[in-house]
PDB file of N, CA and C in Angstrom:
ATOM      1  N   GLU A   1       0.744  -1.169   0.159  1.00  0.00           N
ATOM      2  CA  GLU A   1       0.104  -0.160   0.182  1.00  0.00           C
ATOM      3  C   GLU A   1       1.067   1.358  -0.016  1.00  0.00           C
ATOM      4  N   LYS A   2       1.563   0.738   0.929  1.00  0.00           N
ATOM      5  CA  LYS A   2       3.005   2.159   0.735  1.00  0.00           C
ATOM      6  C   LYS A   2       3.349   2.269  -0.641  1.00  0.00           C
ATOM      7  N   ALA A   3       4.081   1.579  -1.475  1.00  0.00           N
ATOM      8  CA  ALA A   3       4.618   1.351  -2.564  1.00  0.00           C
ATOM      9  C   ALA A   3       3.979   2.145  -3.511  1.00  0.00           C
ATOM     10  N   GLN A   4       2.136   2.022  -3.398  1.00  0.00           N
ATOM     11  CA  GLN A   4       1.433   2.344  -4.548  1.00  0.00           C
ATOM     12  C   GLN A   4       1.123   3.364  -3.933  1.00  0.00           C
ATOM     13  N   LYS A   5       1.466   4.056  -3.118  1.00  0.00           N
ATOM     14  CA  LYS A   5       0.983   5.556  -2.541  1.00  0.00           C
ATOM     15  C   LYS A   5       2.443   6.145  -3.129  1.00  0.00           C
ATOM     16  N   GLU A   6       3.517   6.141  -3.199  1.00  0.00           N
ATOM     17  CA  GLU A   6       4.218   6.336  -3.468  1.00  0.00           C
ATOM     18  C   GLU A   6       4.568   6.741  -5.153  1.00  0.00           C
ATOM     19  N   ARG A   7       3.923   5.475  -5.674  1.00  0.00           N
ATOM     20  CA  ARG A   7       3.980   5.623  -7.660  1.00  0.00           C
ATOM     21  C   ARG A   7       3.142   6.722  -7.623  1.00  0.00           C
ATOM     22  N   GLU A   8       1.663   6.577  -6.843  1.00  0.00           N
ATOM     23  CA  GLU A   8       0.711   8.155  -7.183  1.00  0.00           C
ATOM     24  C   GLU A   8       1.165   9.580  -6.987  1.00  0.00           C
ATOM     25  N   GLU A   9       2.207   9.551  -6.106  1.00  0.00           N
ATOM     26  CA  GLU A   9       2.359  10.658  -5.617  1.00  0.00           C
ATOM     27  C   GLU A   9       3.433  11.526  -6.354  1.00  0.00           C
ATOM     28  N   GLY A  10       4.584  10.157  -6.917  1.00  0.00           N
ATOM     29  CA  GLY A  10       5.999  10.762  -7.225  1.00  0.00           C
ATOM     30  C   GLY A  10       6.451  11.640  -6.291  1.00  0.00           C
ATOM     31  N   SER A  11       7.495  12.098  -6.606  1.00  0.00           N
ATOM     32  CA  SER A  11       8.659  12.686  -5.864  1.00  0.00           C
ATOM     33  C   SER A  11       8.923  13.807  -6.166  1.00  0.00           C
ATOM     34  N   GLY A  12       8.287  14.151  -7.293  1.00  0.00           N
ATOM     35  CA  GLY A  12       8.397  15.769  -7.839  1.00  0.00           C
ATOM     36  C   GLY A  12       7.448  16.368  -7.533  1.00  0.00           C
ATOM     37  N   SER A  13       7.215  17.042  -8.669  1.00  0.00           N
ATOM     38  CA  SER A  13       6.497  18.582  -7.898  1.00  0.00           C
ATOM     39  C   SER A  13       5.030  17.504  -9.046  1.00  0.00           C
ATOM     40  N   ARG A  14       5.425  16.904 -10.627  1.00  0.00           N
ATOM     41  CA  ARG A  14       4.545  16.328 -11.266  1.00  0.00           C
ATOM     42  C   ARG A  14       4.217  14.933 -11.275  1.00  0.00           C
ATOM     43  N   THR A  15       2.775  14.558 -11.350  1.00  0.00           N
ATOM     44  CA  THR A  15       2.911  12.837 -11.206  1.00  0.00           C
ATOM     45  C   THR A  15       2.689  12.246 -12.625  1.00  0.00           C
ATOM     46  N   VAL A  16       2.768  10.842 -12.548  1.00  0.00           N
ATOM     47  CA  VAL A  16       3.011  10.451 -13.287  1.00  0.00           C
ATOM     48  C   VAL A  16       2.757   8.554 -12.947  1.00  0.00           C
ATOM     49  N   PRO A  17       1.283   8.753 -13.453  1.00  0.00           N
ATOM     50  CA  PRO A  17       0.869   7.422 -12.665  1.00  0.00           C
ATOM     51  C   PRO A  17       1.321   5.875 -13.314  1.00  0.00           C
ATOM     52  N   PHE A  18       1.454   5.240 -12.679  1.00  0.00           N
ATOM     53  CA  PHE A  18       1.881   3.902 -12.695  1.00  0.00           C
ATOM     54  C   PHE A  18       0.831   3.252 -13.581  1.00  0.00           C
ATOM     55  N   VAL A  19       1.265   2.508 -14.502  1.00  0.00           N
ATOM     56  CA  VAL A  19       0.403   2.016 -15.414  1.00  0.00           C
ATOM     57  C   VAL A  19       0.465   0.504 -16.150  1.00  0.00           C
ATOM     58  N   PRO A  20      -0.152  -0.709 -15.113  1.00  0.00           N
ATOM     59  CA  PRO A  20      -0.132  -2.115 -14.780  1.00  0.00           C
ATOM     60  C   PRO A  20      -0.041  -2.264 -16.279  1.00  0.00           C
ATOM     61  N   THR A  21       0.961  -3.235 -16.548  1.00  0.00           N
ATOM     62  CA  THR A  21       1.254  -4.504 -17.742  1.00  0.00           C
ATOM     63  C   THR A  21       1.468  -5.255 -18.555  1.00  0.00           C
ATOM     64  N   ALA A  22       0.794  -5.666 -19.440  1.00  0.00           N
ATOM     65  CA  ALA A  22       0.735  -7.308 -19.375  1.00  0.00           C
ATOM     66  C   ALA A  22       2.062  -8.136 -19.244  1.00  0.00           C
ATOM     67  N   ALA A  23       2.358  -9.080 -18.846  1.00  0.00           N
ATOM     68  CA  ALA A  23       3.812  -9.761 -19.038  1.00  0.00           C
ATOM     69  C   ALA A  23       4.326 -10.094 -20.712  1.00  0.00           C
ATOM     70  N   GLY A  24       5.309  -9.649 -20.254  1.00  0.00           N
ATOM     71  CA  GLY A  24       5.743  -9.582 -21.676  1.00  0.00           C
ATOM     72  C   GLY A  24       5.552  -8.634 -22.625  1.00  0.00           C
ATOM     73  N   HIS A  25       4.955  -7.226 -22.043  1.00  0.00           N
ATOM     74  CA  HIS A  25       4.849  -5.861 -22.633  1.00  0.00           C
ATOM     75  C   HIS A  25       5.097  -4.698 -21.563  1.00  0.00           C
ATOM     76  N   ASP A  26       6.144  -5.100 -21.105  1.00  0.00           N
ATOM     77  CA  ASP A  26       6.668  -4.118 -20.029  1.00  0.00           C
ATOM     78  C   ASP A  26       6.826  -2.374 -20.786  1.00  0.00           C
ATOM     79  N   GLU A  27       7.467  -3.017 -21.797  1.00  0.00           N
ATOM     80  CA  GLU A  27       7.794  -1.171 -22.468  1.00  0.00           C
ATOM     81  C   GLU A  27       6.211  -0.729 -23.745  1.00  0.00           C
ATOM     82  N   ALA A  28       5.270  -1.469 -24.131  1.00  0.00           N
ATOM     83  CA  ALA A  28       4.558  -1.070 -24.454  1.00  0.00           C
ATOM     84  C   ALA A  28       3.577   0.294 -24.313  1.00  0.00           C
ATOM     85  N   LEU A  29       3.182   0.203 -23.037  1.00  0.00           N
ATOM     86  CA  LEU A  29       2.682   1.455 -22.758  1.00  0.00           C
ATOM     87  C   LEU A  29       3.388   2.391 -21.986  1.00  0.00           C
ATOM     88  N   ILE A  30       2.735   3.797 -21.914  1.00  0.00           N
ATOM     89  CA  ILE A  30       3.967   5.003 -21.241  1.00  0.00           C
ATOM     90  C   ILE A  30       3.064   5.942 -20.604  1.00  0.00           C
ATOM     91  N   ALA A  31       3.487   5.891 -19.686  1.00  0.00           N
ATOM     92  CA  ALA A  31       1.369   6.648 -18.916  1.00  0.00           C
ATOM     93  C   ALA A  31       1.999   8.119 -19.667  1.00  0.00           C
ATOM     94  N   SER A  32       0.909   8.794 -19.696  1.00  0.00           N
ATOM     95  CA  SER A  32       0.904  10.390 -20.629  1.00  0.00           C
ATOM     96  C   SER A  32       1.279  11.372 -19.231  1.00  0.00           C
ATOM     97  N   GLU A  33       2.700  12.206 -19.426  1.00  0.00           N
ATOM     98  CA  GLU A  33       2.460  12.955 -18.665  1.00  0.00           C
ATOM     99  C   GLU A  33       1.744  14.180 -18.337  1.00  0.00           C
ATOM    100  N   ASP A  34       0.960  14.661 -19.870  1.00  0.00           N
ATOM    101  CA  ASP A  34      -0.146  15.872 -19.633  1.00  0.00           C
ATOM    102  C   ASP A  34      -1.411  15.040 -19.068  1.00  0.00           C
ATOM    103  N   ASP A  35      -1.956  14.143 -18.915  1.00  0.00           N
ATOM    104  CA  ASP A  35      -3.132  13.399 -18.474  1.00  0.00           C
ATOM    105  C   ASP A  35      -3.024  12.088 -17.997  1.00  0.00           C
ATOM    106  N   PRO A  36      -3.579  11.820 -17.048  1.00  0.00           N
ATOM    107  CA  PRO A  36      -3.298  10.544 -16.273  1.00  0.00           C
ATOM    108  C   PRO A  36      -4.220   9.541 -16.957  1.00  0.00           C
ATOM    109  N   GLY A  37      -5.247  10.197 -17.028  1.00  0.00           N
ATOM    110  CA  GLY A  37      -6.259   9.164 -18.166  1.00  0.00           C
ATOM    111  C   GLY A  37      -6.144   8.947 -19.088  1.00  0.00           C
ATOM    112  N   MET A  38      -4.738   8.893 -19.980  1.00  0.00           N
ATOM    113  CA  MET A  38      -4.478   8.742 -21.232  1.00  0.00           C
ATOM    114  C   MET A  38      -2.738   7.776 -21.032  1.00  0.00           C
ATOM    115  N   VAL A  39      -2.764   7.049 -21.796  1.00  0.00           N
ATOM    116  CA  VAL A  39      -1.659   6.368 -21.588  1.00  0.00           C
ATOM    117  C   VAL A  39      -0.857   6.447 -23.671  1.00  0.00           C
ATOM    118  N   LEU A  40       0.702   6.042 -23.624  1.00  0.00           N
ATOM    119  CA  LEU A  40       1.194   6.050 -24.989  1.00  0.00           C
ATOM    120  C   LEU A  40       1.243   5.039 -25.605  1.00  0.00           C
ATOM    121  N   LYS A  41       1.493   4.781 -26.684  1.00  0.00           N
ATOM    122  CA  LYS A  41       1.705   3.261 -27.149  1.00  0.00           C
ATOM    123  C   LYS A  41       2.584   3.754 -28.732  1.00  0.00           C
ATOM    124  N   LYS A  42       3.651   3.013 -28.360  1.00  0.00           N
ATOM    125  CA  LYS A  42       4.029   3.172 -30.082  1.00  0.00           C
ATOM    126  C   LYS A  42       4.098   3.115 -31.309  1.00  0.00           C
ATOM    127  N   TYR A  43       3.723   4.219 -32.107  1.00  0.00           N
ATOM    128  CA  TYR A  43       2.956   3.869 -33.200  1.00  0.00           C
ATOM    129  C   TYR A  43       3.054   2.181 -34.465  1.00  0.00           C
ATOM    130  N   SER A  44       1.853   2.034 -34.956  1.00  0.00           N
ATOM    131  CA  SER A  44       1.625   1.277 -35.539  1.00  0.00           C
ATOM    132  C   SER A  44       0.742   1.337 -36.872  1.00  0.00           C
ATOM    133  N   GLU A  45       1.271   1.309 -38.168  1.00  0.00           N
ATOM    134  CA  GLU A  45      -0.065   2.004 -39.202  1.00  0.00           C
ATOM    135  C   GLU A  45      -1.200   0.564 -38.904  1.00  0.00           C
ATOM    136  N   PRO A  46      -1.175  -0.487 -38.770  1.00  0.00           N
ATOM    137  CA  PRO A  46      -2.100  -1.080 -38.746  1.00  0.00           C
ATOM    138  C   PRO A  46      -2.919  -0.557 -37.981  1.00  0.00           C
ATOM    139  N   GLU A  47      -2.507  -1.094 -36.968  1.00  0.00           N
ATOM    140  CA  GLU A  47      -3.213  -0.230 -35.133  1.00  0.00           C
ATOM    141  C   GLU A  47      -4.063   0.994 -35.305  1.00  0.00           C
ATOM    142  N   HIS A  48      -2.928   1.996 -36.001  1.00  0.00           N
ATOM    143  CA  HIS A  48      -3.529   3.481 -36.391  1.00  0.00           C
ATOM    144  C   HIS A  48      -4.342   3.372 -37.334  1.00  0.00           C
ATOM    145  N   VAL A  49      -5.398   2.090 -38.135  1.00  0.00           N
ATOM    146  CA  VAL A  49      -6.038   2.013 -38.818  1.00  0.00           C
ATOM    147  C   VAL A  49      -6.585   1.201 -37.867  1.00  0.00           C
ATOM    148  N   ALA A  50      -7.506   0.528 -37.623  1.00  0.00           N
ATOM    149  CA  ALA A  50      -7.897  -0.573 -37.156  1.00  0.00           C
ATOM    150  C   ALA A  50      -8.324   0.313 -35.463  1.00  0.00           C
ATOM    151  N   LEU A  51      -7.688   1.184 -34.838  1.00  0.00           N
ATOM    152  CA  LEU A  51      -8.365   2.162 -33.696  1.00  0.00           C
ATOM    153  C   LEU A  51      -8.698   3.655 -34.611  1.00  0.00           C
ATOM    154  N   ASP A  52      -8.449   3.777 -35.556  1.00  0.00           N
ATOM    155  CA  ASP A  52      -9.414   4.420 -35.481  1.00  0.00           C
ATOM    156  C   ASP A  52     -10.881   4.680 -36.566  1.00  0.00           C
ATOM    157  N   ALA A  53     -10.874   3.206 -37.080  1.00  0.00           N
ATOM    158  CA  ALA A  53     -12.027   2.314 -37.284  1.00  0.00           C
ATOM    159  C   ALA A  53     -13.431   2.193 -36.675  1.00  0.00           C
ATOM    160  N   LEU A  54     -12.498   1.610 -35.266  1.00  0.00           N
ATOM    161  CA  LEU A  54     -13.348   1.287 -34.277  1.00  0.00           C
ATOM    162  C   LEU A  54     -13.717   1.998 -33.682  1.00  0.00           C
ATOM    163  N   MET A  55     -13.568   3.445 -33.782  1.00  0.00           N
ATOM    164  CA  MET A  55     -13.881   4.146 -33.298  1.00  0.00           C
ATOM    165  C   MET A  55     -15.250   4.895 -33.986  1.00  0.00           C
ATOM    166  N   GLY A  56     -15.529   4.655 -34.754  1.00  0.00           N
ATOM    167  CA  GLY A  56     -17.102   4.829 -35.695  1.00  0.00           C
ATOM    168  C   GLY A  56     -18.072   3.544 -35.986  1.00  0.00           C
ATOM    169  N   THR A  57     -17.687   2.446 -35.279  1.00  0.00           N
ATOM    170  CA  THR A  57     -18.755   1.215 -35.001  1.00  0.00           C
ATOM    171  C   THR A  57     -19.309   1.528 -33.434  1.00  0.00           C
ATOM    172  N   ASN A  58     -20.268  -0.011 -33.207  1.00  0.00           N
ATOM    173  CA  ASN A  58     -20.281  -0.125 -32.565  1.00  0.00           C
ATOM    174  C   ASN A  58     -20.102  -0.383 -31.424  1.00  0.00           C
ATOM    175  N   LEU A  59     -18.658  -1.347 -31.489  1.00  0.00           N
ATOM    176  CA  LEU A  59     -17.852  -1.400 -30.784  1.00  0.00           C
ATOM    177  C   LEU A  59     -16.850  -0.706 -29.810  1.00  0.00           C
ATOM    178  N   ARG A  60     -17.235   0.846 -30.536  1.00  0.00           N
ATOM    179  CA  ARG A  60     -16.096   1.921 -29.842  1.00  0.00           C
ATOM    180  C   ARG A  60     -16.624   1.509 -28.232  1.00  0.00           C
ATOM    181  N   GLY A  61     -17.676   1.017 -27.538  1.00  0.00           N
ATOM    182  CA  GLY A  61     -18.010   1.356 -26.307  1.00  0.00           C
ATOM    183  C   GLY A  61     -16.802  -0.223 -25.718  1.00  0.00           C
ATOM    184  N   PHE A  62     -16.417  -0.881 -26.441  1.00  0.00           N
ATOM    185  CA  PHE A  62     -15.642  -1.974 -25.682  1.00  0.00           C
ATOM    186  C   PHE A  62     -14.071  -2.136 -25.960  1.00  0.00           C
ATOM    187  N   CYS A  63     -13.702  -0.885 -26.537  1.00  0.00           N
ATOM    188  CA  CYS A  63     -12.335  -0.733 -26.559  1.00  0.00           C
ATOM    189  C   CYS A  63     -11.804   0.581 -25.955  1.00  0.00           C
ATOM    190  N   PRO A  64     -10.592   0.784 -25.484  1.00  0.00           N
ATOM    191  CA  PRO A  64     -10.348   2.414 -24.763  1.00  0.00           C
ATOM    192  C   PRO A  64     -10.665   3.450 -25.846  1.00  0.00           C
ATOM    193  N   THR A  65     -10.493   4.751 -25.809  1.00  0.00           N
ATOM    194  CA  THR A  65     -11.542   5.379 -26.760  1.00  0.00           C
ATOM    195  C   THR A  65      -9.794   6.352 -27.098  1.00  0.00           C
ATOM    196  N   TYR A  66      -9.918   5.881 -28.452  1.00  0.00           N
ATOM    197  CA  TYR A  66      -8.301   6.674 -28.955  1.00  0.00           C
ATOM    198  C   TYR A  66      -8.662   8.139 -29.565  1.00  0.00           C
ATOM    199  N   HIS A  67      -7.614   8.376 -29.127  1.00  0.00           N
ATOM    200  CA  HIS A  67      -7.606  10.022 -29.311  1.00  0.00           C
ATOM    201  C   HIS A  67      -5.966  10.660 -30.215  1.00  0.00           C
ATOM    202  N   GLY A  68      -5.848   9.810 -31.418  1.00  0.00           N
ATOM    203  CA  GLY A  68      -5.369  10.134 -32.099  1.00  0.00           C
ATOM    204  C   GLY A  68      -3.899   9.542 -32.666  1.00  0.00           C
ATOM    205  N   LEU A  69      -2.861  10.737 -32.933  1.00  0.00           N
ATOM    206  CA  LEU A  69      -1.203  10.374 -32.171  1.00  0.00           C
ATOM    207  C   LEU A  69      -0.691  11.814 -31.840  1.00  0.00           C
ATOM    208  N   LYS A  70       0.014  11.570 -31.246  1.00  0.00           N
ATOM    209  CA  LYS A  70       1.061  12.298 -30.754  1.00  0.00           C
ATOM    210  C   LYS A  70       2.549  11.792 -30.991  1.00  0.00           C
ATOM    211  N   ALA A  71       3.618  13.238 -31.445  1.00  0.00           N
ATOM    212  CA  ALA A  71       4.793  13.424 -31.487  1.00  0.00           C
ATOM    213  C   ALA A  71       5.494  13.100 -30.016  1.00  0.00           C
ATOM    214  N   ILE A  72       6.402  12.615 -30.409  1.00  0.00           N
ATOM    215  CA  ILE A  72       7.193  13.150 -28.780  1.00  0.00           C
ATOM    216  C   ILE A  72       8.614  12.846 -29.570  1.00  0.00           C
ATOM    217  N   ASP A  73       9.816  13.773 -29.499  1.00  0.00           N
ATOM    218  CA  ASP A  73      11.341  13.464 -30.048  1.00  0.00           C
ATOM    219  C   ASP A  73      11.515  12.568 -31.108  1.00  0.00           C
ATOM    220  N   GLY A  74      10.494  13.103 -31.942  1.00  0.00           N
ATOM    221  CA  GLY A  74      10.747  12.313 -33.639  1.00  0.00           C
ATOM    222  C   GLY A  74       9.847  11.093 -33.282  1.00  0.00           C
ATOM    223  N   ALA A  75       9.365  10.844 -32.360  1.00  0.00           N
ATOM    224  CA  ALA A  75       8.349   9.259 -32.450  1.00  0.00           C
ATOM    225  C   ALA A  75       7.360   9.395 -31.902  1.00  0.00           C
ATOM    226  N   SER A  76       5.934   8.335 -32.906  1.00  0.00           N
ATOM    227  CA  SER A  76       4.662   8.833 -33.169  1.00  0.00           C
ATOM    228  C   SER A  76       4.086   7.821 -32.254  1.00  0.00           C
ATOM    229  N   PHE A  77       3.516   8.707 -31.750  1.00  0.00           N
ATOM    230  CA  PHE A  77       2.562   7.429 -30.717  1.00  0.00           C
ATOM    231  C   PHE A  77       1.259   7.574 -30.612  1.00  0.00           C
ATOM    232  N   HIS A  78       0.194   6.465 -30.568  1.00  0.00           N
ATOM    233  CA  HIS A  78      -0.954   6.328 -30.607  1.00  0.00           C
ATOM    234  C   HIS A  78      -1.323   6.813 -28.548  1.00  0.00           C
ATOM    235  N   VAL A  79      -2.253   7.992 -28.714  1.00  0.00           N
ATOM    236  CA  VAL A  79      -2.835   8.311 -27.349  1.00  0.00           C
ATOM    237  C   VAL A  79      -4.288   7.797 -27.159  1.00  0.00           C
ATOM    238  N   MET A  80      -4.323   6.951 -25.973  1.00  0.00           N
ATOM    239  CA  MET A  80      -5.530   5.832 -26.020  1.00  0.00           C
ATOM    240  C   MET A  80      -5.849   6.241 -24.563  1.00  0.00           C
ATOM    241  N   GLN A  81      -7.381   5.949 -24.453  1.00  0.00           N
ATOM    242  CA  GLN A  81      -7.629   6.172 -22.466  1.00  0.00           C
ATOM    243  C   GLN A  81      -6.809   4.680 -21.956  1.00  0.00           C
ATOM    244  N   ASN A  82      -6.850   5.377 -20.696  1.00  0.00           N
ATOM    245  CA  ASN A  82      -6.410   3.900 -19.429  1.00  0.00           C
ATOM    246  C   ASN A  82      -7.113   3.778 -19.212  1.00  0.00           C
ATOM    247  N   CYS A  83      -7.989   2.483 -19.351  1.00  0.00           N
ATOM    248  CA  CYS A  83      -9.077   1.843 -19.173  1.00  0.00           C
ATOM    249  C   CYS A  83      -9.282   1.360 -17.401  1.00  0.00           C
ATOM    250  N   LEU A  84      -8.093   1.930 -16.993  1.00  0.00           N
ATOM    251  CA  LEU A  84      -6.970   1.047 -15.779  1.00  0.00           C
ATOM    252  C   LEU A  84      -7.602   1.986 -14.580  1.00  0.00           C
ATOM    253  N   PHE A  85      -7.448   3.573 -15.143  1.00  0.00           N
ATOM    254  CA  PHE A  85      -7.082   4.584 -14.384  1.00  0.00           C
ATOM    255  C   PHE A  85      -8.101   4.841 -13.166  1.00  0.00           C
ATOM    256  N   GLY A  86      -7.963   5.205 -11.901  1.00  0.00           N
ATOM    257  CA  GLY A  86      -8.812   5.414 -11.101  1.00  0.00           C
ATOM    258  C   GLY A  86      -9.066   3.482 -10.035  1.00  0.00           C
ATOM    259  N   LEU A  87      -8.552   2.752 -10.977  1.00  0.00           N
ATOM    260  CA  LEU A  87      -9.097   1.536 -10.189  1.00  0.00           C
ATOM    261  C   LEU A  87      -8.011   1.210  -9.407  1.00  0.00           C
ATOM    262  N   GLU A  88      -7.971   0.856  -7.951  1.00  0.00           N
ATOM    263  CA  GLU A  88      -7.176   0.289  -7.154  1.00  0.00           C
ATOM    264  C   GLU A  88      -5.965  -0.969  -7.723  1.00  0.00           C
ATOM    265  N   ARG A  89      -6.908  -1.774  -8.062  1.00  0.00           N
ATOM    266  CA  ARG A  89      -6.510  -3.723  -7.627  1.00  0.00           C
ATOM    267  C   ARG A  89      -6.798  -3.924  -8.893  1.00  0.00           C
ATOM    268  N   PRO A  90      -6.731  -3.284 -10.252  1.00  0.00           N
ATOM    269  CA  PRO A  90      -7.487  -4.182 -11.803  1.00  0.00           C
ATOM    270  C   PRO A  90      -6.609  -5.684 -11.923  1.00  0.00           C
ATOM    271  N   HIS A  91      -7.795  -5.907 -12.666  1.00  0.00           N
ATOM    272  CA  HIS A  91      -7.744  -7.475 -13.410  1.00  0.00           C
ATOM    273  C   HIS A  91      -7.795  -7.379 -14.606  1.00  0.00           C
ATOM    274  N   VAL A  92      -6.804  -7.877 -15.615  1.00  0.00           N
ATOM    275  CA  VAL A  92      -7.443  -7.557 -17.175  1.00  0.00           C
ATOM    276  C   VAL A  92      -7.414  -8.818 -17.869  1.00  0.00           C
ATOM    277  N   MET A  93      -8.020  -8.845 -18.883  1.00  0.00           N
ATOM    278  CA  MET A  93      -8.318 -10.227 -19.631  1.00  0.00           C
ATOM    279  C   MET A  93      -8.217  -9.527 -21.161  1.00  0.00           C
ATOM    280  N   ASP A  94      -6.796 -10.234 -21.547  1.00  0.00           N
ATOM    281  CA  ASP A  94      -6.263  -9.331 -22.685  1.00  0.00           C
ATOM    282  C   ASP A  94      -7.188 -10.645 -24.528  1.00  0.00           C
ATOM    283  N   ILE A  95      -7.990 -10.268 -24.835  1.00  0.00           N
ATOM    284  CA  ILE A  95      -9.031 -11.164 -25.752  1.00  0.00           C
ATOM    285  C   ILE A  95      -8.165 -10.845 -27.458  1.00  0.00           C
ATOM    286  N   LYS A  96      -8.303 -11.409 -27.675  1.00  0.00           N
ATOM    287  CA  LYS A  96      -7.169 -11.760 -28.858  1.00  0.00           C
ATOM    288  C   LYS A  96      -8.898 -11.999 -30.045  1.00  0.00           C
ATOM    289  N   MET A  97      -8.709 -10.931 -30.998  1.00  0.00           N
ATOM    290  CA  MET A  97     -10.076 -10.863 -31.968  1.00  0.00           C
ATOM    291  C   MET A  97      -9.022 -10.947 -33.350  1.00  0.00           C
ATOM    292  N   GLY A  98      -9.567 -11.848 -34.484  1.00  0.00           N
ATOM    293  CA  GLY A  98      -8.836 -11.612 -35.708  1.00  0.00           C
ATOM    294  C   GLY A  98      -8.290 -12.598 -35.890  1.00  0.00           C
ATOM    295  N   GLN A  99      -7.292 -12.496 -37.457  1.00  0.00           N
ATOM    296  CA  GLN A  99      -6.015 -13.419 -37.036  1.00  0.00           C
ATOM    297  C   GLN A  99      -4.849 -13.520 -36.410  1.00  0.00           C
ATOM    298  N   ARG A 100      -4.556 -15.084 -36.329  1.00  0.00           N
ATOM    299  CA  ARG A 100      -3.589 -15.426 -35.165  1.00  0.00           C
ATOM    300  C   ARG A 100      -2.217 -14.754 -35.408  1.00  0.00           C
ATOM    301  N   THR A 101      -1.059 -14.267 -34.180  1.00  0.00           N
ATOM    302  CA  THR A 101      -0.520 -13.461 -34.697  1.00  0.00           C
ATOM    303  C   THR A 101       1.202 -14.184 -34.388  1.00  0.00           C
ATOM    304  N   PHE A 102       0.517 -15.273 -35.290  1.00  0.00           N
ATOM    305  CA  PHE A 102       2.163 -16.503 -35.242  1.00  0.00           C
ATOM    306  C   PHE A 102       1.948 -17.550 -36.271  1.00  0.00           C
ATOM    307  N   GLN A 103       3.023 -17.986 -36.562  1.00  0.00           N
ATOM    308  CA  GLN A 103       3.067 -19.062 -37.157  1.00  0.00           C
ATOM    309  C   GLN A 103       2.959 -20.645 -36.930  1.00  0.00           C
ATOM    310  N   GLU A 104       2.241 -21.503 -37.531  1.00  0.00           N
ATOM    311  CA  GLU A 104       1.792 -22.594 -36.260  1.00  0.00           C
ATOM    312  C   GLU A 104       3.431 -23.619 -36.528  1.00  0.00           C
ATOM    313  N   SER A 105       4.525 -22.756 -37.095  1.00  0.00           N
ATOM    314  CA  SER A 105       5.951 -23.640 -37.018  1.00  0.00           C
ATOM    315  C   SER A 105       6.728 -22.947 -35.271  1.00  0.00           C
ATOM    316  N   GLU A 106       5.622 -22.097 -35.218  1.00  0.00           N
ATOM    317  CA  GLU A 106       6.277 -21.612 -33.617  1.00  0.00           C
ATOM    318  C   GLU A 106       5.346 -22.296 -32.391  1.00  0.00           C
ATOM    319  N   VAL A 107       4.442 -23.075 -32.771  1.00  0.00           N
ATOM    320  CA  VAL A 107       3.735 -24.031 -31.929  1.00  0.00           C
ATOM    321  C   VAL A 107       4.466 -25.554 -31.295  1.00  0.00           C
TER     322      VAL A 107
END
């Protein structure tokens, strides 16, 4: 509990929230320093197309709100809603939809 409070309060004048991540994805999400309710994710063209398209469908309510792109030090990032913001001990289930992301030889 003390460690969680220190992560939330930070040690300086501004706070950067702790962003829990899934195993194997430690660097996938970056906490937004501008808005603790947002996360940044490294840019991917296929993901940009998918997220942008999802915002105009009935599936919008089942995924993080997508706020477009942000450039930081020459790199592009997706800006997305941090669905875990404000939750004390969230439990997450990551469900994949669509084509599989591995080759049969990798099984």
